[in-house]
N, C-alpha and C. Protein backbone atom coordinates (compact mmCIF):
# COMPACT_ATOMS: atom_id res chain seq x y z
N MET A 1 128.99 -28.73 -34.14
CA MET A 1 130.32 -28.20 -34.34
C MET A 1 131.33 -29.30 -34.03
N SER A 2 132.34 -29.39 -34.83
CA SER A 2 133.35 -30.44 -34.66
C SER A 2 134.56 -29.91 -33.88
N LEU A 3 135.37 -30.85 -33.39
CA LEU A 3 136.60 -30.47 -32.69
C LEU A 3 137.52 -29.68 -33.60
N SER A 4 137.58 -30.06 -34.86
CA SER A 4 138.46 -29.33 -35.78
C SER A 4 138.01 -27.88 -35.95
N GLU A 5 136.70 -27.63 -35.88
CA GLU A 5 136.21 -26.24 -35.93
C GLU A 5 136.54 -25.50 -34.64
N LEU A 6 136.38 -26.17 -33.49
CA LEU A 6 136.71 -25.53 -32.21
C LEU A 6 138.19 -25.18 -32.14
N ARG A 7 139.04 -26.01 -32.71
CA ARG A 7 140.49 -25.80 -32.63
C ARG A 7 140.96 -24.56 -33.36
N THR A 8 140.13 -23.99 -34.22
CA THR A 8 140.52 -22.79 -34.96
C THR A 8 140.17 -21.51 -34.21
N LYS A 9 139.45 -21.63 -33.10
CA LYS A 9 138.96 -20.45 -32.38
C LYS A 9 139.87 -20.09 -31.20
N ASP A 10 140.09 -18.80 -31.02
CA ASP A 10 140.83 -18.30 -29.86
C ASP A 10 139.90 -18.34 -28.65
N VAL A 11 140.44 -18.73 -27.50
CA VAL A 11 139.69 -18.74 -26.25
C VAL A 11 140.09 -17.49 -25.47
N ILE A 12 139.11 -16.65 -25.17
CA ILE A 12 139.36 -15.36 -24.52
C ILE A 12 138.67 -15.32 -23.16
N SER A 13 139.42 -14.91 -22.13
CA SER A 13 138.85 -14.73 -20.79
C SER A 13 138.12 -13.39 -20.74
N THR A 14 136.85 -13.43 -20.33
CA THR A 14 136.09 -12.19 -20.24
C THR A 14 136.49 -11.36 -19.01
N HIS A 15 137.14 -11.99 -18.03
CA HIS A 15 137.57 -11.26 -16.83
C HIS A 15 138.84 -10.46 -17.09
N THR A 16 139.77 -11.03 -17.84
CA THR A 16 141.06 -10.36 -18.05
C THR A 16 141.26 -9.86 -19.47
N GLY A 17 140.44 -10.37 -20.41
CA GLY A 17 140.63 -10.01 -21.81
C GLY A 17 141.79 -10.76 -22.45
N ARG A 18 142.38 -11.66 -21.70
CA ARG A 18 143.56 -12.38 -22.15
C ARG A 18 143.19 -13.52 -23.12
N ASN A 19 144.01 -13.65 -24.17
CA ASN A 19 143.86 -14.75 -25.10
C ASN A 19 144.54 -15.97 -24.47
N LEU A 20 143.76 -17.00 -24.17
CA LEU A 20 144.29 -18.20 -23.52
C LEU A 20 144.85 -19.21 -24.50
N GLY A 21 144.64 -18.97 -25.78
CA GLY A 21 145.12 -19.89 -26.81
C GLY A 21 143.96 -20.54 -27.53
N LYS A 22 144.29 -21.52 -28.33
CA LYS A 22 143.28 -22.25 -29.09
C LYS A 22 143.00 -23.58 -28.42
N VAL A 23 141.81 -24.11 -28.63
CA VAL A 23 141.41 -25.39 -28.05
C VAL A 23 142.36 -26.48 -28.57
N MET A 24 142.94 -27.25 -27.64
CA MET A 24 143.80 -28.35 -28.07
C MET A 24 143.18 -29.71 -27.77
N ASP A 25 142.17 -29.76 -26.90
CA ASP A 25 141.56 -31.03 -26.54
C ASP A 25 140.22 -30.79 -25.87
N LEU A 26 139.46 -31.85 -25.73
CA LEU A 26 138.18 -31.83 -25.01
C LEU A 26 138.21 -32.90 -23.94
N GLU A 27 137.50 -32.66 -22.85
CA GLU A 27 137.27 -33.71 -21.85
C GLU A 27 135.79 -34.01 -21.89
N PHE A 28 135.46 -35.30 -21.87
CA PHE A 28 134.05 -35.68 -21.89
C PHE A 28 133.79 -36.81 -20.92
N ASP A 29 132.54 -36.96 -20.56
CA ASP A 29 132.11 -38.03 -19.68
C ASP A 29 131.85 -39.26 -20.54
N PRO A 30 132.59 -40.34 -20.34
CA PRO A 30 132.42 -41.52 -21.19
C PRO A 30 131.07 -42.21 -21.01
N CYS A 31 130.43 -42.00 -19.89
CA CYS A 31 129.12 -42.63 -19.66
C CYS A 31 128.00 -41.92 -20.41
N THR A 32 128.05 -40.58 -20.41
CA THR A 32 126.98 -39.81 -21.04
C THR A 32 127.36 -39.30 -22.43
N GLY A 33 128.66 -39.23 -22.71
CA GLY A 33 129.12 -38.68 -23.98
C GLY A 33 129.10 -37.17 -24.03
N ARG A 34 128.78 -36.53 -22.90
CA ARG A 34 128.73 -35.06 -22.86
C ARG A 34 130.11 -34.46 -22.69
N VAL A 35 130.33 -33.35 -23.40
CA VAL A 35 131.59 -32.62 -23.24
C VAL A 35 131.55 -31.91 -21.90
N GLU A 36 132.61 -32.08 -21.10
CA GLU A 36 132.67 -31.46 -19.78
C GLU A 36 133.62 -30.28 -19.71
N ALA A 37 134.62 -30.23 -20.60
CA ALA A 37 135.60 -29.15 -20.53
C ALA A 37 136.36 -29.01 -21.83
N LEU A 38 136.88 -27.80 -22.06
CA LEU A 38 137.83 -27.54 -23.12
C LEU A 38 139.21 -27.49 -22.49
N VAL A 39 140.22 -27.84 -23.24
CA VAL A 39 141.60 -27.74 -22.76
C VAL A 39 142.36 -26.86 -23.73
N VAL A 40 143.01 -25.83 -23.18
CA VAL A 40 143.87 -24.95 -23.97
C VAL A 40 145.30 -25.13 -23.47
N PRO A 41 146.30 -24.79 -24.29
CA PRO A 41 147.69 -24.97 -23.86
C PRO A 41 147.99 -24.21 -22.57
N GLY A 42 148.79 -24.83 -21.71
CA GLY A 42 149.23 -24.18 -20.49
C GLY A 42 150.53 -23.43 -20.73
N GLU A 43 151.08 -22.91 -19.66
CA GLU A 43 152.36 -22.22 -19.74
C GLU A 43 153.43 -23.21 -20.20
N PHE A 44 154.36 -22.73 -21.01
CA PHE A 44 155.44 -23.59 -21.50
C PHE A 44 156.41 -23.90 -20.37
N SER A 45 156.77 -25.15 -20.27
CA SER A 45 157.75 -25.59 -19.28
C SER A 45 158.78 -26.45 -20.00
N LEU A 46 160.04 -26.07 -19.94
CA LEU A 46 161.09 -26.82 -20.60
C LEU A 46 161.17 -28.25 -20.07
N SER A 47 161.00 -28.42 -18.75
CA SER A 47 161.09 -29.76 -18.18
C SER A 47 159.96 -30.65 -18.71
N CYS A 48 158.76 -30.11 -18.86
CA CYS A 48 157.64 -30.89 -19.42
C CYS A 48 157.91 -31.21 -20.89
N ALA A 49 158.44 -30.25 -21.62
CA ALA A 49 158.72 -30.47 -23.03
C ALA A 49 159.77 -31.56 -23.22
N LEU A 50 160.78 -31.57 -22.37
CA LEU A 50 161.82 -32.59 -22.47
C LEU A 50 161.28 -33.98 -22.16
N ARG A 51 160.28 -34.06 -21.31
CA ARG A 51 159.67 -35.35 -20.98
C ARG A 51 158.56 -35.72 -21.96
N GLY A 52 158.26 -34.83 -22.91
CA GLY A 52 157.22 -35.09 -23.89
C GLY A 52 155.81 -34.89 -23.35
N GLU A 53 155.68 -34.19 -22.23
CA GLU A 53 154.38 -33.95 -21.62
C GLU A 53 153.79 -32.64 -22.13
N LYS A 54 152.49 -32.61 -22.22
CA LYS A 54 151.79 -31.38 -22.58
C LYS A 54 151.05 -30.89 -21.35
N SER A 55 151.13 -29.59 -21.11
CA SER A 55 150.36 -29.03 -20.00
C SER A 55 149.21 -28.23 -20.58
N GLY A 56 148.11 -28.23 -19.87
CA GLY A 56 146.95 -27.52 -20.38
C GLY A 56 146.13 -26.92 -19.27
N VAL A 57 145.34 -25.93 -19.64
CA VAL A 57 144.41 -25.30 -18.72
C VAL A 57 143.03 -25.87 -19.05
N VAL A 58 142.39 -26.48 -18.05
CA VAL A 58 141.08 -27.09 -18.24
C VAL A 58 140.01 -26.03 -17.95
N ILE A 59 139.15 -25.83 -18.91
CA ILE A 59 138.07 -24.84 -18.78
C ILE A 59 136.74 -25.59 -18.74
N PRO A 60 136.08 -25.58 -17.59
CA PRO A 60 134.81 -26.29 -17.48
C PRO A 60 133.78 -25.78 -18.49
N TRP A 61 132.97 -26.69 -19.00
CA TRP A 61 131.98 -26.32 -20.01
C TRP A 61 131.06 -25.22 -19.51
N ASN A 62 130.72 -25.23 -18.22
CA ASN A 62 129.80 -24.20 -17.71
C ASN A 62 130.46 -22.83 -17.60
N ALA A 63 131.77 -22.72 -17.84
CA ALA A 63 132.46 -21.43 -17.84
C ALA A 63 132.40 -20.76 -19.21
N ILE A 64 131.93 -21.49 -20.21
CA ILE A 64 131.84 -20.92 -21.56
C ILE A 64 130.63 -20.00 -21.62
N GLU A 65 130.88 -18.75 -22.00
CA GLU A 65 129.78 -17.78 -22.12
C GLU A 65 129.20 -17.76 -23.52
N ARG A 66 130.07 -17.86 -24.52
CA ARG A 66 129.59 -17.80 -25.90
C ARG A 66 130.64 -18.39 -26.83
N ILE A 67 130.16 -19.12 -27.83
CA ILE A 67 131.03 -19.61 -28.89
C ILE A 67 130.65 -18.85 -30.14
N GLY A 68 131.58 -18.02 -30.62
CA GLY A 68 131.32 -17.21 -31.80
C GLY A 68 132.00 -17.77 -33.03
N GLU A 69 131.98 -16.98 -34.09
CA GLU A 69 132.56 -17.42 -35.35
C GLU A 69 134.07 -17.57 -35.25
N HIS A 70 134.73 -16.68 -34.47
CA HIS A 70 136.19 -16.70 -34.40
C HIS A 70 136.74 -16.91 -32.99
N VAL A 71 135.92 -16.69 -31.97
CA VAL A 71 136.41 -16.78 -30.59
C VAL A 71 135.43 -17.53 -29.70
N ILE A 72 135.96 -18.02 -28.59
CA ILE A 72 135.16 -18.62 -27.52
C ILE A 72 135.39 -17.77 -26.28
N LEU A 73 134.34 -17.17 -25.74
CA LEU A 73 134.45 -16.34 -24.55
C LEU A 73 134.19 -17.20 -23.32
N VAL A 74 135.12 -17.12 -22.36
CA VAL A 74 134.98 -17.92 -21.13
C VAL A 74 135.08 -17.01 -19.92
N SER A 75 134.34 -17.38 -18.89
CA SER A 75 134.33 -16.63 -17.63
C SER A 75 135.07 -17.46 -16.59
N LEU A 76 136.31 -17.05 -16.32
CA LEU A 76 137.14 -17.73 -15.33
C LEU A 76 137.62 -16.72 -14.31
N PRO A 77 137.80 -17.13 -13.06
CA PRO A 77 138.43 -16.22 -12.10
C PRO A 77 139.81 -15.83 -12.63
N ASP A 78 140.26 -14.63 -12.29
CA ASP A 78 141.53 -14.10 -12.79
C ASP A 78 142.69 -15.09 -12.62
N ASP A 79 142.78 -15.74 -11.47
CA ASP A 79 143.90 -16.63 -11.21
C ASP A 79 143.80 -17.95 -11.97
N ALA A 80 142.62 -18.34 -12.41
CA ALA A 80 142.47 -19.61 -13.13
C ALA A 80 142.92 -19.50 -14.57
N ALA A 81 142.95 -18.28 -15.08
CA ALA A 81 143.35 -18.06 -16.47
C ALA A 81 144.83 -17.81 -16.58
N ARG A 82 145.61 -18.50 -15.78
CA ARG A 82 147.07 -18.46 -15.71
C ARG A 82 147.50 -17.40 -14.81
């Protein structure tokens, strides 16, 4: 599966049922080449936007329960999902 395919899927928290957004980036280990986390958009902040910064919620790869055709289900503690 490619990053462009992942970017089309909604990321859903199985604890809250909340849609966390779509994948905007990946984090990987440069030594092993393994994907370590997905990054979805964080809460909007005007101050970050004015500085040109992007905020994101990092979801560890081991928190992913299932990658389906249209959604990615993740298991995060309630407070970690914003």
